[in-house]
Amino acid sequence: MGDFWGRSVRVVAGAAVLAVALAGCQRSAAEKPKAGTPAGPAGPAPEVRHEPDTAAVWRKWGLKPLAPAPAPPVDKPLKLSKKGPAKVFESVPTKDRVVFVTLDDGQEKDPRFVAMLRELKVPVTMFLTKDDIQDDYGYFKPLQELGNRIQDHTVTHPVLPTLGPEGQKREICGDRDALTEQYGTAPTLLRPPFGRWNSATQEAARECGISGIVMWRASMQIHDFQYDDPKKELHPGDILLAHFRGPKQLKGETMTQMFAHLLKQIEKRGFAVGRLEDYISVR
């Protein structure tokens, strides 16, 4: 009898242990996350961010995307000195199939142009004239925030060689000082108005902290360039000139329309647009 009750107790105890073990296994299986699912409480699905379609962005402006610009060279091919007369140049020595867009003056302040550059991310260098921009310095700040440098184009846009050395210095240094105060960086390049300069311009520019005098190989009119090249071709490293102009100067077209024509001419010839300052070092 005692043996019977002993065996019964052992059987019941064994069954109880087995039940506890099975329950533990069931909890472990329930708590173990399935393969491929995140552990922890379920939350909202992570936000999926889609980059805008490049072709669609360009199509919005009636354009095809330009070729992507090459990475800026580590060894800058155009080297300017901090000593001696400011160097005059109209192109950059490079084999990259890239050109550089510069914009002068600052008369026209088209809000759509800011939106255009923000969306297309085409780099430009701005040579601004104090008398043209002082009514709205703020217009050019969003363009600067995109990485576009602001450079010197004199105070009143005179023909510099008609002035004496001190007159040229007042024009160049005066613009440099105003641009530095407004935009926080001092210009290192000068675009002489009308492309006119002489040795006194080079000396005055140097005294104003300018290392390079920037000319151009082709200038944008309304629908196409006026080329220095008689074959009307662009070349690697060419510097291109355009202006902040509007319907009064462009026979009814806006600056945004003019700039679209400029980009079409560059795209048609298979060039990318680089940032001029990325190819220049000042030593």
Protein backbone atom coordinates (compact mmCIF):
# COMPACT_ATOMS: atom_id res chain seq x y z
CA MET A 1 0.00 0.00 0.00
CA GLY A 2 2.78 2.36 0.96
CA ASP A 3 4.59 1.45 -2.22
CA PHE A 4 1.45 2.11 -4.30
CA TRP A 5 1.00 5.60 -2.79
CA GLY A 6 4.68 6.33 -3.26
CA ARG A 7 4.50 5.44 -6.93
CA SER A 8 1.33 7.53 -7.30
CA VAL A 9 2.97 10.59 -5.75
CA ARG A 10 5.98 10.18 -8.02
CA VAL A 11 3.76 9.93 -11.09
CA VAL A 12 1.74 12.99 -10.13
CA ALA A 13 4.90 14.94 -9.32
CA GLY A 14 6.47 13.93 -12.62
CA ALA A 15 3.36 15.02 -14.50
CA ALA A 16 3.43 18.38 -12.74
CA VAL A 17 7.08 18.94 -13.64
CA LEU A 18 6.35 18.00 -17.25
CA ALA A 19 3.42 20.45 -17.38
CA VAL A 20 5.59 23.28 -16.02
CA ALA A 21 8.32 22.50 -18.58
CA LEU A 22 5.84 22.44 -21.43
CA ALA A 23 4.35 25.75 -20.32
CA GLY A 24 7.85 27.25 -20.17
CA CYS A 25 8.59 26.04 -23.71
CA GLN A 26 5.33 27.54 -24.95
CA ARG A 27 6.18 30.92 -23.37
CA SER A 28 9.67 30.82 -24.86
CA ALA A 29 8.27 30.04 -28.31
CA ALA A 30 5.72 32.82 -27.98
CA GLU A 31 8.33 35.36 -26.79
CA LYS A 32 10.94 34.48 -29.41
CA PRO A 33 10.66 36.86 -32.39
CA LYS A 34 10.12 35.28 -35.76
CA ALA A 35 12.97 35.36 -38.21
CA GLY A 36 13.00 38.57 -40.21
CA THR A 37 10.80 40.56 -37.79
CA PRO A 38 12.08 43.25 -35.43
CA ALA A 39 12.12 42.52 -31.70
CA GLY A 40 10.11 44.65 -29.33
CA PRO A 41 6.68 46.22 -29.59
CA ALA A 42 5.34 46.95 -33.05
CA GLY A 43 5.53 50.63 -34.10
CA PRO A 44 4.75 52.71 -37.15
CA ALA A 45 6.56 51.70 -40.34
CA PRO A 46 9.75 53.70 -40.94
CA GLU A 47 9.38 56.64 -43.29
CA VAL A 48 10.63 55.88 -46.78
CA ARG A 49 12.21 58.94 -48.38
CA HIS A 50 12.29 59.08 -52.14
CA GLU A 51 14.76 61.26 -53.98
CA PRO A 52 13.09 63.39 -56.64
CA ASP A 53 13.41 62.10 -60.17
CA THR A 54 16.20 64.16 -61.74
CA ALA A 55 14.75 64.00 -65.24
CA ALA A 56 11.35 65.11 -63.96
CA VAL A 57 12.86 68.10 -62.13
CA TRP A 58 14.68 69.25 -65.26
CA ARG A 59 11.63 68.58 -67.40
CA LYS A 60 9.66 70.97 -65.20
CA TRP A 61 11.90 73.74 -66.56
CA GLY A 62 11.69 72.47 -70.13
CA LEU A 63 15.19 70.99 -70.00
CA LYS A 64 17.15 67.76 -70.21
CA PRO A 65 19.60 67.04 -67.36
CA LEU A 66 23.19 68.12 -67.90
CA ALA A 67 25.99 65.62 -67.72
CA PRO A 68 27.08 65.25 -64.06
CA ALA A 69 30.03 67.41 -63.13
CA PRO A 70 33.28 65.60 -62.28
CA ALA A 71 34.57 65.67 -58.74
CA PRO A 72 36.58 68.84 -58.00
CA PRO A 73 40.28 68.18 -58.63
CA VAL A 74 42.47 67.78 -55.59
CA ASP A 75 45.31 69.58 -57.37
CA LYS A 76 43.67 72.81 -58.53
CA PRO A 77 44.77 73.45 -62.12
CA LEU A 78 44.52 77.26 -61.96
CA LYS A 79 46.98 78.61 -59.40
CA LEU A 80 46.84 82.28 -58.43
CA SER A 81 49.44 84.14 -56.42
CA LYS A 82 48.87 86.49 -53.48
CA LYS A 83 51.76 88.60 -54.73
CA GLY A 84 52.26 90.72 -57.83
CA PRO A 85 49.65 91.94 -60.34
CA ALA A 86 46.35 90.05 -60.38
CA LYS A 87 46.39 87.32 -63.04
CA VAL A 88 44.05 87.67 -66.03
CA PHE A 89 42.42 84.49 -67.39
CA GLU A 90 39.44 83.47 -69.55
CA SER A 91 39.48 79.70 -69.12
CA VAL A 92 40.73 76.99 -66.76
CA PRO A 93 43.39 74.47 -67.87
CA THR A 94 41.53 71.16 -67.59
CA LYS A 95 40.73 68.12 -69.71
CA ASP A 96 37.43 67.66 -67.89
CA ARG A 97 34.49 68.25 -70.20
CA VAL A 98 33.27 71.04 -67.97
CA VAL A 99 32.52 74.76 -68.37
CA PHE A 100 31.94 77.49 -65.77
CA VAL A 101 28.97 79.86 -65.64
CA THR A 102 29.38 83.42 -64.33
CA LEU A 103 26.63 86.01 -63.78
CA ASP A 104 27.29 89.75 -63.73
CA ASP A 105 25.81 92.98 -62.36
CA GLY A 106 22.66 92.14 -60.35
CA GLN A 107 20.03 94.43 -61.88
CA GLU A 108 17.36 91.72 -62.30
CA LYS A 109 16.11 89.91 -59.19
CA ASP A 110 13.78 87.22 -60.52
CA PRO A 111 12.42 85.02 -57.65
CA ARG A 112 11.87 82.12 -60.06
CA PHE A 113 15.57 82.10 -60.84
CA VAL A 114 16.34 81.35 -57.18
CA ALA A 115 13.86 78.44 -57.32
CA MET A 116 15.42 77.24 -60.57
CA LEU A 117 18.95 77.07 -59.17
CA ARG A 118 17.71 75.51 -55.95
CA GLU A 119 16.08 72.67 -57.90
CA LEU A 120 18.62 72.19 -60.69
CA LYS A 121 21.71 72.72 -58.49
CA VAL A 122 23.71 74.32 -61.30
CA PRO A 123 26.70 76.17 -59.79
CA VAL A 124 27.38 79.78 -60.76
CA THR A 125 29.82 82.51 -59.76
CA MET A 126 28.23 85.93 -59.19
CA PHE A 127 30.14 89.14 -59.98
CA LEU A 128 27.97 91.79 -58.34
CA THR A 129 27.97 95.58 -58.72
CA LYS A 130 27.14 97.49 -55.54
CA ASP A 131 24.95 100.09 -57.25
CA ASP A 132 22.87 97.33 -58.89
CA ILE A 133 22.26 95.25 -55.77
CA GLN A 134 22.06 97.72 -52.88
CA ASP A 135 18.27 98.02 -53.24
CA ASP A 136 17.93 94.33 -52.31
CA TYR A 137 21.08 92.72 -50.93
CA GLY A 138 18.94 89.91 -49.54
CA TYR A 139 17.96 88.54 -52.95
CA PHE A 140 21.41 87.06 -53.49
CA LYS A 141 21.73 85.38 -50.07
CA PRO A 142 19.69 82.25 -50.97
CA LEU A 143 21.89 81.88 -54.06
CA GLN A 144 24.98 82.19 -51.88
CA GLU A 145 23.57 79.58 -49.47
CA LEU A 146 23.54 77.10 -52.36
CA GLY A 147 27.35 77.35 -52.43
CA ASN A 148 27.65 80.03 -55.11
CA ARG A 149 30.45 82.52 -54.46
CA ILE A 150 30.01 86.30 -54.69
CA GLN A 151 32.85 88.16 -56.39
CA ASP A 152 33.81 91.76 -57.27
CA HIS A 153 32.37 93.78 -60.17
CA THR A 154 33.08 97.37 -58.94
CA VAL A 155 30.79 99.93 -57.31
CA THR A 156 29.38 101.82 -60.33
CA HIS A 157 30.35 99.63 -63.34
CA PRO A 158 32.75 102.10 -65.05
CA VAL A 159 35.26 101.50 -67.83
CA LEU A 160 38.17 101.00 -65.45
CA PRO A 161 41.06 102.04 -67.76
CA THR A 162 39.50 105.52 -68.09
CA LEU A 163 40.15 106.03 -64.38
CA GLY A 164 43.48 106.68 -62.75
CA PRO A 165 45.02 104.12 -60.37
CA GLU A 166 43.30 105.64 -57.33
CA GLY A 167 39.94 105.78 -59.10
CA GLN A 168 40.20 102.10 -60.05
CA LYS A 169 41.17 101.24 -56.50
CA ARG A 170 38.12 103.07 -55.10
CA GLU A 171 35.81 101.17 -57.44
CA ILE A 172 37.27 97.73 -56.73
CA CYS A 173 37.92 98.12 -53.00
CA GLY A 174 34.56 99.85 -52.45
CA ASP A 175 32.69 96.93 -53.97
CA ARG A 176 34.82 94.42 -52.08
CA ASP A 177 34.06 96.14 -48.77
CA ALA A 178 30.30 96.26 -49.41
CA LEU A 179 30.13 92.62 -50.51
CA THR A 180 32.22 91.48 -47.55
CA GLU A 181 29.96 93.32 -45.12
CA GLN A 182 26.75 91.96 -46.65
CA TYR A 183 27.77 88.37 -47.43
CA GLY A 184 30.51 87.60 -44.92
CA THR A 185 33.26 86.60 -47.34
CA ALA A 186 35.77 88.80 -49.13
CA PRO A 187 35.94 88.49 -52.93
CA THR A 188 39.15 87.10 -54.40
CA LEU A 189 38.21 87.51 -58.09
CA LEU A 190 37.27 90.54 -60.20
CA ARG A 191 35.23 90.80 -63.37
CA PRO A 192 36.18 94.15 -64.97
CA PRO A 193 33.09 95.91 -66.41
CA PHE A 194 32.84 95.54 -70.20
CA GLY A 195 35.92 93.30 -70.02
CA ARG A 196 38.14 96.39 -70.04
CA TRP A 197 41.32 96.41 -67.98
CA ASN A 198 44.95 97.55 -68.03
CA SER A 199 48.05 97.12 -65.89
CA ALA A 200 46.70 99.67 -63.40
CA THR A 201 43.63 97.45 -63.00
CA GLN A 202 45.87 94.51 -62.12
CA GLU A 203 47.75 96.58 -59.53
CA ALA A 204 44.59 98.08 -58.03
CA ALA A 205 42.98 94.66 -57.83
CA ARG A 206 45.98 93.30 -55.95
CA GLU A 207 45.85 96.18 -53.46
CA CYS A 208 42.18 95.31 -52.85
CA GLY A 209 42.96 91.65 -52.09
CA ILE A 210 42.00 90.36 -55.55
CA SER A 211 44.16 87.57 -57.00
CA GLY A 212 42.48 86.98 -60.39
CA ILE A 213 40.77 89.02 -63.13
CA VAL A 214 38.18 86.83 -64.82
CA MET A 215 37.36 87.22 -68.52
CA TRP A 216 35.27 84.83 -70.67
CA ARG A 217 35.24 82.72 -73.83
CA ALA A 218 31.54 83.04 -74.72
CA SER A 219 28.78 85.42 -73.58
CA MET A 220 25.10 84.54 -73.41
CA GLN A 221 22.74 86.82 -75.31
CA ILE A 222 19.10 85.64 -75.25
CA HIS A 223 18.91 82.29 -77.05
CA ASP A 224 22.56 81.48 -77.75
CA PHE A 225 26.13 82.48 -76.99
CA GLN A 226 28.32 84.99 -78.72
CA TYR A 227 31.51 82.97 -79.12
CA ASP A 228 35.16 83.93 -79.20
CA ASP A 229 35.71 80.74 -81.20
CA PRO A 230 34.90 81.38 -84.89
CA LYS A 231 33.60 77.79 -85.09
CA LYS A 232 31.10 78.61 -82.30
CA GLU A 233 32.28 75.75 -80.12
CA LEU A 234 32.80 75.35 -76.39
CA HIS A 235 36.00 73.88 -74.98
CA PRO A 236 36.88 72.19 -71.69
CA GLY A 237 37.50 74.84 -69.05
CA ASP A 238 35.74 77.71 -70.87
CA ILE A 239 34.36 80.49 -68.69
CA LEU A 240 30.90 81.65 -69.81
CA LEU A 241 29.36 85.06 -69.20
CA ALA A 242 25.70 85.85 -68.54
CA HIS A 243 23.94 88.66 -66.65
CA PHE A 244 21.20 89.24 -64.12
CA ARG A 245 18.85 90.70 -66.73
CA GLY A 246 15.09 90.75 -67.25
CA PRO A 247 12.44 91.45 -69.91
CA LYS A 248 13.61 95.05 -70.51
CA GLN A 249 17.05 93.88 -71.61
CA LEU A 250 16.00 90.48 -73.03
CA LYS A 251 13.29 91.59 -75.45
CA GLY A 252 10.47 90.38 -73.24
CA GLU A 253 12.03 87.16 -71.95
CA THR A 254 12.71 86.54 -68.29
CA MET A 255 16.07 85.78 -66.76
CA THR A 256 14.84 82.26 -66.02
CA GLN A 257 14.02 81.73 -69.70
CA MET A 258 17.41 83.09 -70.75
CA PHE A 259 19.17 80.78 -68.31
CA ALA A 260 17.19 77.82 -69.65
CA HIS A 261 18.45 78.66 -73.16
CA LEU A 262 21.99 78.81 -71.76
CA LEU A 263 21.67 75.35 -70.22
CA LYS A 264 20.24 73.94 -73.45
CA GLN A 265 23.30 75.12 -75.37
CA ILE A 266 25.62 73.54 -72.81
CA GLU A 267 23.66 70.25 -72.76
CA LYS A 268 23.55 70.09 -76.56
CA ARG A 269 27.35 70.21 -76.65
CA GLY A 270 27.73 67.53 -73.98
CA PHE A 271 29.30 69.61 -71.22
CA ALA A 272 28.82 69.67 -67.47
CA VAL A 273 28.88 72.84 -65.37
CA GLY A 274 31.49 73.04 -62.62
CA ARG A 275 32.08 75.53 -59.85
CA LEU A 276 34.84 77.91 -60.92
CA GLU A 277 36.31 78.30 -57.43
CA ASP A 278 36.72 74.50 -57.15
CA TYR A 279 39.39 74.69 -59.85
CA ILE A 280 41.32 77.64 -58.40
CA SER A 281 43.87 77.86 -55.60
CA VAL A 282 45.34 81.08 -54.19
CA ARG A 283 48.83 80.83 -52.72
